[in-house]
Protein backbone atom coordinates (compact mmCIF):
# COMPACT_ATOMS: atom_id res chain seq x y z
CA MET A 1 152.80 177.04 -28.64
CA LYS A 2 149.98 179.55 -27.45
CA ARG A 3 147.25 180.30 -29.64
CA LYS A 4 145.57 183.30 -30.04
CA ILE A 5 141.31 183.32 -29.43
CA ARG A 6 140.29 185.19 -32.80
CA PRO A 7 136.74 186.66 -33.65
CA SER A 8 134.65 183.81 -35.51
CA SER A 9 134.47 183.68 -39.02
CA PRO A 10 130.89 183.09 -40.60
CA HIS A 11 131.90 179.42 -41.50
CA THR A 12 132.94 178.38 -38.11
CA SER A 13 130.01 180.47 -36.46
CA THR A 14 127.71 178.04 -38.82
CA ILE A 15 129.80 175.06 -37.23
CA LEU A 16 129.23 176.03 -34.07
CA CYS A 17 125.45 177.97 -33.66
CA ASN A 18 123.93 175.63 -35.98
CA SER A 19 125.09 172.18 -34.79
CA PRO A 20 122.90 169.19 -34.98
CA PHE A 21 123.58 168.80 -31.33
CA ARG A 22 121.90 171.93 -30.31
CA LYS A 23 118.83 171.37 -32.65
CA LEU A 24 118.51 167.88 -31.78
CA ALA A 25 117.97 166.92 -35.01
CA PRO A 26 118.56 163.27 -36.17
CA LYS A 27 122.04 162.83 -38.17
CA PRO A 28 124.03 160.01 -39.25
CA PRO A 29 127.19 159.84 -37.55
CA GLU A 30 129.46 160.53 -40.29
CA ALA A 31 127.34 164.11 -40.36
CA TYR A 32 128.76 164.73 -36.87
CA SER A 33 132.46 163.74 -38.11
CA ARG A 34 131.56 166.09 -40.61
CA ARG A 35 131.26 168.78 -38.87
CA ASN A 36 134.06 168.02 -35.63
CA ILE A 37 136.43 167.96 -38.71
CA GLN A 38 135.79 171.17 -40.25
CA ALA A 39 135.72 172.49 -36.80
CA ILE A 40 138.86 171.14 -35.55
CA GLU A 41 140.34 172.39 -38.67
CA SER A 42 139.15 175.74 -38.14
CA ARG A 43 141.80 178.06 -36.62
CA GLU A 44 139.88 181.53 -36.86
CA SER A 45 137.20 181.74 -33.99
CA VAL A 46 139.29 179.27 -31.27
CA THR A 47 141.90 177.03 -30.33
CA GLU A 48 141.97 173.78 -31.16
CA GLU A 49 141.03 172.54 -27.56
CA ILE A 50 137.98 175.01 -26.96
CA THR A 51 136.76 174.05 -30.40
CA LEU A 52 136.59 170.32 -29.08
CA LEU A 53 135.57 171.34 -25.62
CA LEU A 54 132.69 173.01 -27.55
CA ILE A 55 132.16 170.03 -29.91
CA LEU A 56 132.44 167.51 -27.04
CA GLN A 57 129.91 169.65 -24.85
CA GLU A 58 127.35 169.84 -27.79
CA ASN A 59 127.30 166.00 -27.93
CA ASP A 60 127.26 165.65 -24.29
CA GLN A 61 124.54 168.07 -24.32
CA GLN A 62 122.33 165.74 -26.96
CA LEU A 63 123.36 162.72 -24.99
CA THR A 64 121.53 164.15 -22.10
CA ASP A 65 118.60 165.57 -23.96
CA ARG A 66 118.13 162.59 -25.52
CA GLN A 67 118.20 160.40 -22.20
CA SER A 68 115.68 162.84 -20.77
CA GLN A 69 113.57 162.45 -24.03
CA VAL A 70 113.22 158.39 -23.56
CA LYS A 71 112.05 159.35 -20.20
CA ARG A 72 109.71 161.48 -21.26
CA LEU A 73 108.34 158.76 -23.68
CA GLU A 74 108.53 156.06 -21.10
CA THR A 75 106.25 158.42 -18.78
CA GLN A 76 104.11 158.82 -21.61
CA LYS A 77 103.51 155.12 -22.55
CA ALA A 78 102.85 154.30 -19.00
CA GLN A 79 100.10 157.20 -18.87
CA VAL A 80 98.46 155.38 -21.91
CA GLU A 81 98.93 151.47 -20.49
CA ARG A 82 97.08 153.65 -17.12
CA THR A 83 94.45 155.04 -19.32
CA LEU A 84 94.12 151.11 -20.97
CA ARG A 85 93.94 149.72 -17.91
CA ASP A 86 91.26 151.97 -16.23
CA GLU A 87 89.05 151.94 -19.05
CA GLN A 88 89.60 147.71 -18.75
CA ALA A 89 88.63 148.10 -15.10
CA VAL A 90 85.55 150.06 -16.10
CA VAL A 91 84.19 147.41 -18.43
CA ASP A 92 85.32 144.85 -15.62
CA GLN A 93 83.06 146.59 -12.92
CA ILE A 94 80.08 146.69 -15.79
CA ARG A 95 80.88 143.09 -15.84
CA GLN A 96 80.88 142.14 -12.11
CA THR A 97 77.80 144.26 -11.61
CA LEU A 98 75.48 142.18 -13.89
CA ASN A 99 77.43 139.21 -13.04
CA GLN A 100 75.85 139.81 -9.19
CA LEU A 101 72.51 140.78 -10.38
CA GLU A 102 72.21 137.53 -12.48
CA GLN A 103 73.00 135.68 -9.10
CA THR A 104 71.00 137.10 -6.81
CA SER A 105 68.32 137.11 -9.38
CA ARG A 106 68.98 132.90 -9.53
CA LEU A 107 69.07 132.84 -5.88
CA LYS A 108 65.75 134.47 -5.41
CA ASN A 109 64.07 131.84 -8.01
CA LEU A 110 65.51 129.24 -5.72
CA GLU A 111 64.38 130.91 -2.76
CA VAL A 112 60.60 131.29 -4.69
CA ASP A 113 61.08 127.56 -5.66
CA ASP A 114 61.86 126.63 -2.25
CA LEU A 115 58.57 128.24 -0.76
CA ASP A 116 56.40 127.28 -3.43
CA MET A 117 57.34 123.98 -2.00
CA GLN A 118 56.61 124.41 1.15
CA ILE A 119 53.17 125.63 0.39
CA ARG A 120 52.82 122.34 -1.62
CA ASN A 121 53.74 120.71 1.87
CA TYR A 122 51.42 122.59 3.92
CA GLN A 123 48.55 122.33 1.68
CA GLN A 124 48.87 118.64 1.79
CA ARG A 125 49.29 118.23 5.17
CA LEU A 126 45.69 120.42 5.42
CA ASP A 127 43.98 118.22 2.84
CA GLU A 128 45.44 114.93 4.00
CA GLY A 129 46.55 114.93 7.21
CA ILE A 130 44.79 114.43 10.64
CA ILE A 131 45.80 117.38 12.78
CA SER A 132 44.24 119.86 15.72
CA PHE A 133 41.88 123.02 14.70
CA LYS A 134 45.31 124.71 16.20
CA GLU A 135 47.52 123.35 13.58
CA MET A 136 45.51 123.92 10.80
CA GLU A 137 45.23 127.48 11.70
CA ALA A 138 49.26 127.27 11.99
CA LEU A 139 49.56 125.82 8.73
CA ARG A 140 46.52 128.65 6.82
CA SER A 141 48.86 131.16 8.28
CA LYS A 142 52.04 129.84 6.99
CA ILE A 143 50.57 129.36 3.45
CA ILE A 144 49.23 133.05 3.80
CA HIS A 145 52.53 134.32 4.63
CA GLN A 146 54.81 132.00 2.39
CA ARG A 147 52.70 132.90 -0.95
CA ARG A 148 52.68 136.81 0.26
CA ARG A 149 56.51 136.70 0.24
CA ILE A 150 56.16 135.02 -3.01
CA SER A 151 54.47 137.59 -4.39
CA GLU A 152 57.41 140.37 -2.83
CA MET A 153 59.98 138.10 -4.09
CA GLU A 154 58.47 137.99 -7.86
CA ASP A 155 57.92 141.53 -7.80
CA GLU A 156 61.79 141.91 -7.03
CA ALA A 157 62.89 139.32 -9.54
CA LEU A 158 61.22 141.34 -12.41
CA ALA A 159 62.77 144.31 -10.88
CA LEU A 160 66.16 142.45 -11.06
CA MET A 161 65.43 141.38 -14.57
CA ASP A 162 65.38 144.84 -15.69
CA ASP A 163 67.98 145.73 -14.02
CA ILE A 164 70.17 142.84 -15.69
CA GLU A 165 68.65 143.95 -19.61
CA THR A 166 70.12 147.38 -18.21
CA GLU A 167 73.26 146.54 -17.41
CA LYS A 168 73.54 143.65 -20.36
CA THR A 169 72.99 146.94 -22.47
CA ARG A 170 75.36 148.75 -20.93
CA LEU A 171 77.80 146.15 -20.84
CA THR A 172 77.53 145.93 -25.16
CA ARG A 173 78.11 148.92 -25.31
CA ALA A 174 80.84 149.39 -23.36
CA GLN A 175 82.64 146.49 -24.56
CA ALA A 176 82.61 148.11 -28.27
CA THR A 177 83.97 151.23 -26.75
CA LEU A 178 86.67 149.61 -25.52
CA THR A 179 87.18 147.54 -28.55
CA GLU A 180 88.14 150.79 -30.33
CA ARG A 181 89.81 152.30 -27.53
CA GLU A 182 92.50 149.46 -27.16
CA LYS A 183 93.23 149.62 -30.83
CA GLU A 184 93.63 152.93 -30.39
CA LEU A 185 95.79 153.31 -27.27
CA ARG A 186 97.93 149.61 -28.50
CA ALA A 187 98.80 151.81 -31.86
CA SER A 188 99.61 155.08 -29.28
CA CYS A 189 101.98 152.39 -27.57
CA GLN A 190 103.60 151.00 -30.66
CA LYS A 191 104.65 154.30 -31.94
CA ILE A 192 105.91 155.73 -28.71
CA ASP A 193 108.26 152.15 -28.50
CA LYS A 194 109.64 153.61 -32.18
CA GLN A 195 110.42 156.99 -30.75
CA ILE A 196 112.14 155.31 -28.13
CA ALA A 197 113.73 152.48 -30.28
CA GLN A 198 114.82 155.87 -32.37
CA VAL A 199 115.93 158.02 -30.00
CA LYS A 200 118.22 155.19 -28.51
CA GLU A 201 119.30 154.29 -31.76
CA GLU A 202 120.53 158.24 -31.86
CA PHE A 203 122.15 158.01 -28.45
CA ALA A 204 124.26 155.27 -29.40
CA GLN A 205 125.48 157.10 -32.37
CA ALA A 206 126.13 159.95 -29.93
CA HIS A 207 127.94 158.38 -27.67
CA GLU A 208 129.99 156.79 -30.11
CA ALA A 209 130.56 160.26 -32.12
CA ARG A 210 131.89 161.02 -28.21
CA ALA A 211 134.51 158.17 -27.79
CA LYS A 212 136.23 159.79 -30.90
CA ILE A 213 136.26 163.26 -30.17
CA ALA A 214 137.45 162.52 -26.44
CA GLU A 215 140.54 160.44 -28.28
CA LYS A 216 141.34 163.70 -29.75
CA MET A 217 141.54 165.73 -26.68
CA GLN A 218 144.53 165.86 -24.09
CA ALA A 219 143.94 163.95 -20.90
CA HIS A 220 144.30 166.20 -18.36
CA LEU A 221 141.93 168.67 -20.28
CA LEU A 222 139.26 165.84 -20.79
CA ASN A 223 139.58 165.10 -16.94
CA ARG A 224 138.82 168.56 -16.01
CA TYR A 225 136.17 169.01 -18.52
CA GLU A 226 134.47 165.49 -17.00
CA LYS A 227 134.31 166.81 -13.66
CA LEU A 228 133.01 170.13 -14.49
CA HIS A 229 130.30 168.19 -16.62
CA THR A 230 128.88 166.41 -13.53
CA GLU A 231 127.57 169.90 -12.34
CA TYR A 232 127.17 171.58 -15.12
CA TYR A 233 124.91 170.78 -17.87
CA ASP A 234 127.17 173.83 -20.05
CA PRO A 235 130.98 173.33 -18.49
CA VAL A 236 132.45 175.59 -21.37
CA VAL A 237 130.79 178.99 -21.83
CA VAL A 238 131.28 182.18 -23.69
CA VAL A 239 132.56 185.29 -21.65
CA THR A 240 129.99 188.55 -23.26
CA ASN A 241 130.53 191.89 -21.47
CA GLY A 242 132.74 190.50 -18.64
CA THR A 243 130.41 188.15 -17.43
CA CYS A 244 130.60 184.88 -17.62
CA SER A 245 127.22 182.99 -19.58
CA GLY A 246 127.03 180.53 -17.60
CA CYS A 247 126.72 181.89 -13.95
CA LYS A 248 125.97 185.21 -14.97
CA LEU A 249 128.46 186.75 -13.09
CA ARG A 250 131.07 189.13 -13.80
CA VAL A 251 134.63 187.81 -14.02
CA SER A 252 137.85 190.21 -13.58
CA GLY A 253 139.28 192.21 -16.33
CA ASN A 254 142.14 190.18 -15.70
CA THR A 255 140.21 186.65 -16.53
CA VAL A 256 138.77 188.53 -19.74
CA GLU A 257 142.16 188.96 -20.93
CA ARG A 258 143.85 185.65 -20.17
CA ALA A 259 140.69 184.05 -21.91
CA ARG A 260 141.00 186.13 -25.09
CA SER A 261 144.77 185.85 -24.91
CA ASP A 262 146.91 183.26 -26.31
CA MET A 263 147.42 182.15 -22.41
CA ASP A 264 146.48 178.79 -21.00
CA ILE A 265 142.38 177.49 -20.60
CA THR A 266 141.01 180.10 -18.91
CA THR A 267 138.06 179.21 -15.88
CA CYS A 268 135.69 181.33 -14.43
CA GLU A 269 136.54 182.44 -10.41
CA ASN A 270 132.91 182.30 -9.58
CA CYS A 271 131.95 178.69 -10.84
CA SER A 272 134.69 177.69 -12.67
CA ARG A 273 133.45 176.76 -15.55
CA ILE A 274 136.11 177.01 -18.99
CA LEU A 275 135.69 180.56 -20.89
CA TYR A 276 136.80 181.38 -24.25
CA VAL A 277 135.92 184.82 -25.87
CA ARG A 278 134.68 184.74 -29.43
């Protein structure tokens, strides 16, 4: 028997306008079931088929929004992890700079020791060896040159020591800051993980509720809805002032009358969405 779509009652408006899916507030499956049963039992605003479609649509919108929320949270977590890696990289760079300075300092010290040993050898040859005057002048010139080089390298070594102390202080401060930041950022990751787990749990509840709703629907109507849902976020929309609220285009008077009357399920001639009139 065909059913007529009548104006909404306050009771049914509360069900559809204040739906838990529309607000995306986490509710237990029992809460959805109570609202679904109340909507299905109400015959004052829409037909049973439209009521089921609207409930299914609200449920699917929640599923879509929950999926988007999980993606946003995962992106947020990835950003926090990236920030942590970047701040760790800063400390690693300071540590690497310090290691390079210390290595350079050690090499210079070894070079100074080597030059000092060469000077000792040159001096010993001058003091003990039997050499020509030309060789003596050459050795004395080498000694003078090596001592000058040692003096320069000692100045460089002192400058390196200052740089090393500066980098050590910088590293100590950076490590202290990083320790606090790691605690903060890891706590943020844990918080996001909990939010993701909660959203996924709500998604599972909504998915379970969806299966129960779909069981109550006629197969051909469910198939039509599923096809539309692959294209639209809102496959079932209200006609307002002769306009489809989905595509925002006017529909024919005949379509409005069919949606208002107790004829079969009516669709928009522009976007094919399922229409109803409050």
